[in-house]
Structure formats: structure tokens, C-alpha cells
Amino acid sequence: MTSDDWITPDWPAPAGVHAVCTTRHGGVSQGPFASMNPADHVGDAATAVGANRRRLVQVLDLPAAPVWLRQVHGTTVIDAADAPAAPQADASFSHRPGVVCAVLTADCLPLLLCDRAGTVVAAAHAGWRGLAAGVVEQSVAALDIVPGQLLAWLGPAIGPAAYTVGKEVREAFTGHDPRAAAAFAPAPGGGWYADLYRLARQRLLACGIDDVFGGGRCTLTEAQVFFSYRRDGVTGRMATLIWMETGGGG
């Protein structure tokens, strides 16, 4: 596993805040999970998943093992510093250095947050269900920071030219805010193309966060780089991690 096997967010995070998004490369998994799959719920061999997770800690010099969540496309946000093993949640945050927040995705949007002072970090799993239900709003509220002091980064997700949805998805967003219609375009067959990046930006802006970075990648079309559930069905997951270094570095 080398630096070519992960993405380092391009955002003006303060010194001491570190973040990484893995790709499908750099691990030991085989078959449809090849090769860096850190997800233990997708049918991959437990030994391979364990080896991949240990490799992440070692190669990325993480200060601790990531706090892995049991994601359910909901809006629960937990404090990763006090989390039980495998908590059911779709976002986590930490005010404590050395705690690694993490989400797993393979088309859904991974969203990272931190404040300009470097006192808090967060990671959220934001597919369309989570976005519509308010995972962005719940994550921002949990940080207890003036929203204007927060930065957001949008990791790789299925792109707006590849993500087709039914009218019920569009209505879930436009019913909440008519301006969400701008994130949808008609698709052949009567469905809609949905722009998860734009939907997330709209939600963040409504929360008071206008410093939003990232976006623009497509997990479905970039098959050599990313896992995609919609493309492959049986597949691995990318991990998106964020943490604050400890006093001795990390």
C-alpha cells in the first residue's frame, strides 16, 4: 500500500487534522473485493478484512484503530471517543485527539467535517436516504460549533451522470426544499439523474456551511479506482477516515 492507493482530501483543514479516503487498491482481498476492502459485512473473508484493517493502521500511521460503524442509512451520530464496539450509526465525531472517525461507502457519499480551529472532526455516511432524512443536519448539530467555522469535504460517490433514481427519491428532497429540484435531471425511461454532491452542498449551505470542498469523482464509472455497489452488486467498500493528531504526532 502506497500513497497512490489512497486519496488525501484537498481542503484547507487546520494543522493537526488528517484525513484519507482509500481506493480499491493496496490490500489483500481477492475476487470482487480486490483488494483493499476493510468492510466486514459484504461477504469478504474475515482474515482478509482483518489484514486490510491492520494495514490501514500501519501504513497510514493511525493513532488508533478506526471506530467502525454499523451503517443503516439513518441519521444517528455518535461520539466516537465513547462509542461501544460496532455501534449502529451513520456518522461519528470526536473532540479528542487520536480518535479515528470512519465511514464505509461504495456509491454513497462520504462527508467529512472539521472546524477551522482544529478542535473537532466528523465523518458521515450520506446516501440519498441519509441525506433526505437529515444526516448532514444531525452531524452539524452534534459538533456544537458555529457552522460558519466548519469546513466540509465530499469524498467519492456515484456521479450525477450515472446515478438514476425514481420519482420518490426526487420527491423526498423537493418536498423538504423545492430548490432541490436543481439537483435532478430527467433520465431515459422516466426516471431522474440525481446529483448527490449538489444535494449535500444544498444541505450544508442551509446549515450555514459554505466552505465545501471535494466532489467530482464517480465511483460507478471509475471502475479501476473505486468499488461500486450499483455497478457490481457484490463488492468491497472504501474507507474515509478523519482524526486529530495527538501531541506527539500521529
C-alpha atoms as a PDB file:
ATOM      1  CA  MET A   1       0.000   0.000   0.000  1.00  0.00           C
ATOM      2  CA  THR A   2       1.497   3.311  -1.134  1.00  0.00           C
ATOM      3  CA  SER A   3       0.298   6.906  -1.316  1.00  0.00           C
ATOM      4  CA  ASP A   4      -1.074   6.122  -4.779  1.00  0.00           C
ATOM      5  CA  ASP A   5      -3.579   3.794  -3.110  1.00  0.00           C
ATOM      6  CA  TRP A   6      -5.493   6.496  -1.235  1.00  0.00           C
ATOM      7  CA  ILE A   7      -6.869   9.994  -1.710  1.00  0.00           C
ATOM      8  CA  THR A   8      -5.783  12.850   0.527  1.00  0.00           C
ATOM      9  CA  PRO A   9      -8.541  15.486   0.683  1.00  0.00           C
ATOM     10  CA  ASP A  10      -7.658  18.804  -0.902  1.00  0.00           C
ATOM     11  CA  TRP A  11      -9.130  21.209   1.617  1.00  0.00           C
ATOM     12  CA  PRO A  12      -7.735  23.845   3.982  1.00  0.00           C
ATOM     13  CA  ALA A  13      -8.042  21.758   7.132  1.00  0.00           C
ATOM     14  CA  PRO A  14      -6.003  23.093  10.045  1.00  0.00           C
ATOM     15  CA  ALA A  15      -2.666  21.602  11.026  1.00  0.00           C
ATOM     16  CA  GLY A  16      -3.209  18.518  13.113  1.00  0.00           C
ATOM     17  CA  VAL A  17      -6.330  17.370  11.274  1.00  0.00           C
ATOM     18  CA  HIS A  18      -5.665  14.422   8.971  1.00  0.00           C
ATOM     19  CA  ALA A  19      -7.978  12.680   6.517  1.00  0.00           C
ATOM     20  CA  VAL A  20      -7.724   9.882   3.962  1.00  0.00           C
ATOM     21  CA  CYS A  21     -10.075   8.098   1.593  1.00  0.00           C
ATOM     22  CA  THR A  22      -8.982   4.667   0.426  1.00  0.00           C
ATOM     23  CA  THR A  23      -9.426   3.305  -3.087  1.00  0.00           C
ATOM     24  CA  ARG A  24      -9.849  -0.327  -4.068  1.00  0.00           C
ATOM     25  CA  HIS A  25      -6.064  -0.798  -4.207  1.00  0.00           C
ATOM     26  CA  GLY A  26      -3.412  -1.710  -1.668  1.00  0.00           C
ATOM     27  CA  GLY A  27      -4.963  -4.629   0.210  1.00  0.00           C
ATOM     28  CA  VAL A  28      -5.058  -8.418   0.222  1.00  0.00           C
ATOM     29  CA  SER A  29      -8.698  -9.258  -0.588  1.00  0.00           C
ATOM     30  CA  GLN A  30      -9.481 -11.364  -3.646  1.00  0.00           C
ATOM     31  CA  GLY A  31     -12.181 -11.619  -6.306  1.00  0.00           C
ATOM     32  CA  PRO A  32     -14.877  -8.920  -6.302  1.00  0.00           C
ATOM     33  CA  PHE A  33     -13.374  -7.494  -3.104  1.00  0.00           C
ATOM     34  CA  ALA A  34      -9.919  -6.936  -4.578  1.00  0.00           C
ATOM     35  CA  SER A  35      -8.039  -5.621  -2.942  1.00  0.00           C
ATOM     36  CA  MET A  36      -8.350  -3.017  -0.153  1.00  0.00           C
ATOM     37  CA  ASN A  37     -11.713  -3.927   1.341  1.00  0.00           C
ATOM     38  CA  PRO A  38     -11.999  -3.019   5.048  1.00  0.00           C
ATOM     39  CA  ALA A  39     -15.728  -3.835   5.280  1.00  0.00           C
ATOM     40  CA  ASP A  40     -16.692  -6.908   7.312  1.00  0.00           C
ATOM     41  CA  HIS A  41     -20.352  -7.059   6.224  1.00  0.00           C
ATOM     42  CA  VAL A  42     -20.055  -7.679   2.468  1.00  0.00           C
ATOM     43  CA  GLY A  43     -19.092 -11.362   2.301  1.00  0.00           C
ATOM     44  CA  ASP A  44     -15.320 -10.990   2.128  1.00  0.00           C
ATOM     45  CA  ALA A  45     -13.063 -13.387   4.051  1.00  0.00           C
ATOM     46  CA  ALA A  46     -12.678 -12.256   7.657  1.00  0.00           C
ATOM     47  CA  THR A  47      -8.934 -12.887   7.539  1.00  0.00           C
ATOM     48  CA  ALA A  48      -8.561 -10.581   4.540  1.00  0.00           C
ATOM     49  CA  VAL A  49     -10.691  -7.840   6.100  1.00  0.00           C
ATOM     50  CA  GLY A  50      -8.669  -8.052   9.301  1.00  0.00           C
ATOM     51  CA  ALA A  51      -5.414  -7.854   7.379  1.00  0.00           C
ATOM     52  CA  ASN A  52      -6.659  -4.849   5.412  1.00  0.00           C
ATOM     53  CA  ARG A  53      -7.714  -3.031   8.573  1.00  0.00           C
ATOM     54  CA  ARG A  54      -4.345  -3.665  10.206  1.00  0.00           C
ATOM     55  CA  ARG A  55      -2.618  -2.448   7.064  1.00  0.00           C
ATOM     56  CA  LEU A  56      -4.582   0.811   7.191  1.00  0.00           C
ATOM     57  CA  VAL A  57      -3.443   1.434  10.764  1.00  0.00           C
ATOM     58  CA  GLN A  58       0.176   0.629   9.969  1.00  0.00           C
ATOM     59  CA  VAL A  59       0.641   2.298   6.602  1.00  0.00           C
ATOM     60  CA  LEU A  60      -1.357   5.430   7.422  1.00  0.00           C
ATOM     61  CA  ASP A  61       0.283   5.625  10.875  1.00  0.00           C
ATOM     62  CA  LEU A  62      -3.105   5.966  12.504  1.00  0.00           C
ATOM     63  CA  PRO A  63      -3.078   6.840  16.205  1.00  0.00           C
ATOM     64  CA  ALA A  64      -5.652   4.082  16.858  1.00  0.00           C
ATOM     65  CA  ALA A  65      -7.864   1.633  15.030  1.00  0.00           C
ATOM     66  CA  PRO A  66     -10.779   3.408  13.320  1.00  0.00           C
ATOM     67  CA  VAL A  67     -14.156   3.390  15.052  1.00  0.00           C
ATOM     68  CA  TRP A  68     -16.108   1.310  12.532  1.00  0.00           C
ATOM     69  CA  LEU A  69     -19.877   1.839  12.423  1.00  0.00           C
ATOM     70  CA  ARG A  70     -22.781  -0.458  11.575  1.00  0.00           C
ATOM     71  CA  GLN A  71     -24.306   1.847   8.983  1.00  0.00           C
ATOM     72  CA  VAL A  72     -28.050   1.665   8.296  1.00  0.00           C
ATOM     73  CA  HIS A  73     -28.717   4.717   6.071  1.00  0.00           C
ATOM     74  CA  GLY A  74     -30.008   6.614   9.065  1.00  0.00           C
ATOM     75  CA  THR A  75     -29.182   9.825  10.911  1.00  0.00           C
ATOM     76  CA  THR A  76     -27.720   8.670  14.217  1.00  0.00           C
ATOM     77  CA  VAL A  77     -24.487  10.489  15.108  1.00  0.00           C
ATOM     78  CA  ILE A  78     -22.240   9.220  17.904  1.00  0.00           C
ATOM     79  CA  ASP A  79     -19.222  10.484  19.802  1.00  0.00           C
ATOM     80  CA  ALA A  80     -16.508   8.131  18.534  1.00  0.00           C
ATOM     81  CA  ALA A  81     -14.435   8.680  21.683  1.00  0.00           C
ATOM     82  CA  ASP A  82     -17.106   6.991  23.810  1.00  0.00           C
ATOM     83  CA  ALA A  83     -18.517   4.517  21.313  1.00  0.00           C
ATOM     84  CA  PRO A  84     -19.198   0.850  22.104  1.00  0.00           C
ATOM     85  CA  ALA A  85     -17.908  -1.814  19.749  1.00  0.00           C
ATOM     86  CA  ALA A  86     -19.534  -1.653  16.301  1.00  0.00           C
ATOM     87  CA  PRO A  87     -22.150   0.988  17.158  1.00  0.00           C
ATOM     88  CA  GLN A  88     -25.187   1.360  14.888  1.00  0.00           C
ATOM     89  CA  ALA A  89     -24.842   4.844  13.445  1.00  0.00           C
ATOM     90  CA  ASP A  90     -24.183   6.630  10.195  1.00  0.00           C
ATOM     91  CA  ALA A  91     -21.900   9.393  11.448  1.00  0.00           C
ATOM     92  CA  SER A  92     -19.395   9.955  14.216  1.00  0.00           C
ATOM     93  CA  PHE A  93     -17.446  12.873  15.611  1.00  0.00           C
ATOM     94  CA  SER A  94     -14.641  13.440  18.072  1.00  0.00           C
ATOM     95  CA  HIS A  95     -13.267  16.349  20.080  1.00  0.00           C
ATOM     96  CA  ARG A  96     -10.496  14.076  21.335  1.00  0.00           C
ATOM     97  CA  PRO A  97      -7.142  13.780  19.509  1.00  0.00           C
ATOM     98  CA  GLY A  98      -6.167  10.267  18.488  1.00  0.00           C
ATOM     99  CA  VAL A  99      -9.710   9.030  17.816  1.00  0.00           C
ATOM    100  CA  VAL A 100     -10.264   7.976  14.182  1.00  0.00           C
ATOM    101  CA  CYS A 101     -13.763   8.547  12.765  1.00  0.00           C
ATOM    102  CA  ALA A 102     -14.602   6.366   9.766  1.00  0.00           C
ATOM    103  CA  VAL A 103     -17.341   5.564   7.267  1.00  0.00           C
ATOM    104  CA  LEU A 104     -17.536   2.883   4.573  1.00  0.00           C
ATOM    105  CA  THR A 105     -19.026   3.586   1.148  1.00  0.00           C
ATOM    106  CA  ALA A 106     -19.333   2.179  -2.357  1.00  0.00           C
ATOM    107  CA  ASP A 107     -21.536   4.776  -4.152  1.00  0.00           C
ATOM    108  CA  CYS A 108     -22.974   6.626  -1.156  1.00  0.00           C
ATOM    109  CA  LEU A 109     -21.325   9.913  -0.271  1.00  0.00           C
ATOM    110  CA  PRO A 110     -18.676  10.053   2.463  1.00  0.00           C
ATOM    111  CA  LEU A 111     -18.693  13.502   4.060  1.00  0.00           C
ATOM    112  CA  LEU A 112     -16.017  14.893   6.371  1.00  0.00           C
ATOM    113  CA  LEU A 113     -16.267  17.895   8.683  1.00  0.00           C
ATOM    114  CA  CYS A 114     -13.797  19.799  10.825  1.00  0.00           C
ATOM    115  CA  ASP A 115     -13.604  23.239  12.358  1.00  0.00           C
ATOM    116  CA  ARG A 116     -11.041  25.898  11.499  1.00  0.00           C
ATOM    117  CA  ALA A 117      -9.547  25.745  14.981  1.00  0.00           C
ATOM    118  CA  GLY A 118      -8.908  22.005  14.740  1.00  0.00           C
ATOM    119  CA  THR A 119     -10.949  21.093  17.821  1.00  0.00           C
ATOM    120  CA  VAL A 120     -13.407  18.627  16.279  1.00  0.00           C
ATOM    121  CA  VAL A 121     -13.678  16.222  13.347  1.00  0.00           C
ATOM    122  CA  ALA A 122     -16.554  14.164  11.946  1.00  0.00           C
ATOM    123  CA  ALA A 123     -17.324  11.608   9.249  1.00  0.00           C
ATOM    124  CA  ALA A 124     -20.798  10.912   7.851  1.00  0.00           C
ATOM    125  CA  HIS A 125     -22.251   8.266   5.525  1.00  0.00           C
ATOM    126  CA  ALA A 126     -24.652  10.101   3.236  1.00  0.00           C
ATOM    127  CA  GLY A 127     -26.537   8.093   0.650  1.00  0.00           C
ATOM    128  CA  TRP A 128     -29.795   9.500  -0.643  1.00  0.00           C
ATOM    129  CA  ARG A 129     -31.782   8.090   2.275  1.00  0.00           C
ATOM    130  CA  GLY A 130     -29.465   9.581   4.854  1.00  0.00           C
ATOM    131  CA  LEU A 131     -29.306  12.914   3.057  1.00  0.00           C
ATOM    132  CA  ALA A 132     -33.084  13.103   2.771  1.00  0.00           C
ATOM    133  CA  ALA A 133     -33.566  12.109   6.413  1.00  0.00           C
ATOM    134  CA  GLY A 134     -31.130  14.724   7.705  1.00  0.00           C
ATOM    135  CA  VAL A 135     -27.777  13.068   8.419  1.00  0.00           C
ATOM    136  CA  VAL A 136     -25.988  16.268   7.387  1.00  0.00           C
ATOM    137  CA  GLU A 137     -28.067  18.407   9.715  1.00  0.00           C
ATOM    138  CA  GLN A 138     -27.702  15.957  12.592  1.00  0.00           C
ATOM    139  CA  SER A 139     -23.936  15.749  12.099  1.00  0.00           C
ATOM    140  CA  VAL A 140     -23.521  19.523  12.083  1.00  0.00           C
ATOM    141  CA  ALA A 141     -25.704  19.900  15.176  1.00  0.00           C
ATOM    142  CA  ALA A 142     -23.738  17.248  17.071  1.00  0.00           C
ATOM    143  CA  LEU A 143     -20.489  19.190  16.724  1.00  0.00           C
ATOM    144  CA  ASP A 144     -21.822  22.139  18.719  1.00  0.00           C
ATOM    145  CA  ILE A 145     -19.689  24.554  16.667  1.00  0.00           C
ATOM    146  CA  VAL A 146     -20.820  27.723  14.909  1.00  0.00           C
ATOM    147  CA  PRO A 147     -21.484  26.380  11.365  1.00  0.00           C
ATOM    148  CA  GLY A 148     -19.570  29.238   9.775  1.00  0.00           C
ATOM    149  CA  GLN A 149     -16.426  27.857  11.433  1.00  0.00           C
ATOM    150  CA  LEU A 150     -16.813  24.446   9.807  1.00  0.00           C
ATOM    151  CA  LEU A 151     -15.246  23.038   6.649  1.00  0.00           C
ATOM    152  CA  ALA A 152     -16.699  20.130   4.675  1.00  0.00           C
ATOM    153  CA  TRP A 153     -15.162  17.693   2.215  1.00  0.00           C
ATOM    154  CA  LEU A 154     -17.159  15.457  -0.123  1.00  0.00           C
ATOM    155  CA  GLY A 155     -15.498  12.151  -0.932  1.00  0.00           C
ATOM    156  CA  PRO A 156     -16.024   9.916  -3.967  1.00  0.00           C
ATOM    157  CA  ALA A 157     -19.622   8.933  -4.674  1.00  0.00           C
ATOM    158  CA  ILE A 158     -21.710   7.865  -7.650  1.00  0.00           C
ATOM    159  CA  GLY A 159     -21.732  10.788 -10.075  1.00  0.00           C
ATOM    160  CA  PRO A 160     -24.683  12.805 -11.374  1.00  0.00           C
ATOM    161  CA  ALA A 161     -24.390  11.350 -14.879  1.00  0.00           C
ATOM    162  CA  ALA A 162     -24.528   7.763 -13.574  1.00  0.00           C
ATOM    163  CA  TYR A 163     -26.990   7.806 -10.688  1.00  0.00           C
ATOM    164  CA  THR A 164     -30.568   7.170 -11.802  1.00  0.00           C
ATOM    165  CA  VAL A 165     -33.413   7.180  -9.283  1.00  0.00           C
ATOM    166  CA  GLY A 166     -37.189   7.065  -9.242  1.00  0.00           C
ATOM    167  CA  LYS A 167     -39.598   9.922  -8.670  1.00  0.00           C
ATOM    168  CA  GLU A 168     -39.961   9.025  -4.991  1.00  0.00           C
ATOM    169  CA  VAL A 169     -36.328   9.952  -4.390  1.00  0.00           C
ATOM    170  CA  ARG A 170     -36.736  13.310  -6.102  1.00  0.00           C
ATOM    171  CA  GLU A 171     -39.938  13.962  -4.176  1.00  0.00           C
ATOM    172  CA  ALA A 172     -38.224  13.136  -0.878  1.00  0.00           C
ATOM    173  CA  PHE A 173     -35.890  16.064  -1.469  1.00  0.00           C
ATOM    174  CA  THR A 174     -38.149  18.546  -3.219  1.00  0.00           C
ATOM    175  CA  GLY A 175     -40.797  18.028  -0.556  1.00  0.00           C
ATOM    176  CA  HIS A 176     -38.258  19.206   2.005  1.00  0.00           C
ATOM    177  CA  ASP A 177     -36.902  22.057  -0.134  1.00  0.00           C
ATOM    178  CA  PRO A 178     -38.178  22.882  -3.646  1.00  0.00           C
ATOM    179  CA  ARG A 179     -34.705  24.137  -4.537  1.00  0.00           C
ATOM    180  CA  ALA A 180     -33.514  20.524  -4.530  1.00  0.00           C
ATOM    181  CA  ALA A 181     -35.103  20.168  -7.972  1.00  0.00           C
ATOM    182  CA  ALA A 182     -31.930  21.715  -9.373  1.00  0.00           C
ATOM    183  CA  ALA A 183     -30.050  18.542  -8.348  1.00  0.00           C
ATOM    184  CA  PHE A 184     -32.159  16.323 -10.620  1.00  0.00           C
ATOM    185  CA  ALA A 185     -32.275  15.947 -14.397  1.00  0.00           C
ATOM    186  CA  PRO A 186     -34.625  13.780 -16.471  1.00  0.00           C
ATOM    187  CA  ALA A 187     -33.246  10.344 -17.333  1.00  0.00           C
ATOM    188  CA  PRO A 188     -34.318   7.991 -20.123  1.00  0.00           C
ATOM    189  CA  GLY A 189     -37.282   5.829 -19.178  1.00  0.00           C
ATOM    190  CA  GLY A 190     -38.958   8.369 -16.963  1.00  0.00           C
ATOM    191  CA  GLY A 191     -36.534   8.354 -14.028  1.00  0.00           C
ATOM    192  CA  TRP A 192     -34.145  11.021 -12.826  1.00  0.00           C
ATOM    193  CA  TYR A 193     -30.426  11.569 -12.638  1.00  0.00           C
ATOM    194  CA  ALA A 194     -29.568  12.611  -9.072  1.00  0.00           C
ATOM    195  CA  ASP A 195     -26.571  14.717  -8.059  1.00  0.00           C
ATOM    196  CA  LEU A 196     -25.602  13.621  -4.537  1.00  0.00           C
ATOM    197  CA  TYR A 197     -22.849  16.216  -4.428  1.00  0.00           C
ATOM    198  CA  ARG A 198     -25.238  19.054  -5.147  1.00  0.00           C
ATOM    199  CA  LEU A 199     -27.802  17.743  -2.693  1.00  0.00           C
ATOM    200  CA  ALA A 200     -25.155  17.590   0.031  1.00  0.00           C
ATOM    201  CA  ARG A 201     -23.945  21.098  -0.755  1.00  0.00           C
ATOM    202  CA  GLN A 202     -27.511  22.386  -0.537  1.00  0.00           C
ATOM    203  CA  ARG A 203     -27.974  20.798   2.875  1.00  0.00           C
ATOM    204  CA  LEU A 204     -24.621  22.099   4.123  1.00  0.00           C
ATOM    205  CA  LEU A 205     -25.351  25.611   2.890  1.00  0.00           C
ATOM    206  CA  ALA A 206     -28.747  25.539   4.590  1.00  0.00           C
ATOM    207  CA  CYS A 207     -26.895  24.667   7.816  1.00  0.00           C
ATOM    208  CA  GLY A 208     -24.629  27.684   7.366  1.00  0.00           C
ATOM    209  CA  ILE A 209     -21.583  25.915   5.869  1.00  0.00           C
ATOM    210  CA  ASP A 210     -20.426  27.366   2.583  1.00  0.00           C
ATOM    211  CA  ASP A 211     -16.795  26.205   2.644  1.00  0.00           C
ATOM    212  CA  VAL A 212     -17.334  22.872   0.897  1.00  0.00           C
ATOM    213  CA  PHE A 213     -14.609  21.046  -0.985  1.00  0.00           C
ATOM    214  CA  GLY A 214     -14.238  17.824  -2.960  1.00  0.00           C
ATOM    215  CA  GLY A 215     -16.825  16.180  -5.180  1.00  0.00           C
ATOM    216  CA  GLY A 216     -16.486  15.456  -8.858  1.00  0.00           C
ATOM    217  CA  ARG A 217     -15.478  11.786  -8.762  1.00  0.00           C
ATOM    218  CA  CYS A 218     -17.731   8.912  -9.835  1.00  0.00           C
ATOM    219  CA  THR A 219     -17.475   5.549  -8.142  1.00  0.00           C
ATOM    220  CA  LEU A 220     -19.547   3.792 -10.812  1.00  0.00           C
ATOM    221  CA  THR A 221     -17.619   4.909 -13.884  1.00  0.00           C
ATOM    222  CA  GLU A 222     -14.119   4.868 -12.331  1.00  0.00           C
ATOM    223  CA  ALA A 223     -14.092   1.079 -12.075  1.00  0.00           C
ATOM    224  CA  GLN A 224     -10.314   0.779 -11.799  1.00  0.00           C
ATOM    225  CA  VAL A 225     -10.212   3.065  -8.775  1.00  0.00           C
ATOM    226  CA  PHE A 226     -13.399   2.572  -6.763  1.00  0.00           C
ATOM    227  CA  PHE A 227     -15.801  -0.094  -5.578  1.00  0.00           C
ATOM    228  CA  SER A 228     -19.400   0.463  -6.722  1.00  0.00           C
ATOM    229  CA  TYR A 229     -22.371  -1.437  -5.339  1.00  0.00           C
ATOM    230  CA  ARG A 230     -24.665  -0.294  -8.140  1.00  0.00           C
ATOM    231  CA  ARG A 231     -22.182  -1.395 -10.774  1.00  0.00           C
ATOM    232  CA  ASP A 232     -21.101  -4.738  -9.292  1.00  0.00           C
ATOM    233  CA  GLY A 233     -23.546  -5.768  -6.556  1.00  0.00           C
ATOM    234  CA  VAL A 234     -21.060  -7.952  -4.677  1.00  0.00           C
ATOM    235  CA  THR A 235     -18.132  -5.656  -3.971  1.00  0.00           C
ATOM    236  CA  GLY A 236     -15.951  -4.085  -1.306  1.00  0.00           C
ATOM    237  CA  ARG A 237     -16.084  -0.665   0.315  1.00  0.00           C
ATOM    238  CA  MET A 238     -13.828   2.375   0.515  1.00  0.00           C
ATOM    239  CA  ALA A 239     -12.982   3.784   3.930  1.00  0.00           C
ATOM    240  CA  THR A 240     -12.984   7.518   4.584  1.00  0.00           C
ATOM    241  CA  LEU A 241     -11.138   8.443   7.770  1.00  0.00           C
ATOM    242  CA  ILE A 242     -10.530  11.630   9.746  1.00  0.00           C
ATOM    243  CA  TRP A 243      -8.689  12.264  13.012  1.00  0.00           C
ATOM    244  CA  MET A 244      -6.789  14.837  15.021  1.00  0.00           C
ATOM    245  CA  GLU A 245      -3.198  14.033  15.789  1.00  0.00           C
ATOM    246  CA  THR A 246      -2.084  13.577  19.352  1.00  0.00           C
ATOM    247  CA  GLY A 247       0.508  15.788  20.982  1.00  0.00           C
ATOM    248  CA  GLY A 248       3.304  13.582  19.749  1.00  0.00           C
ATOM    249  CA  GLY A 249       2.035  13.499  16.151  1.00  0.00           C
ATOM    250  CA  GLY A 250       0.009  10.753  14.539  1.00  0.00           C
END
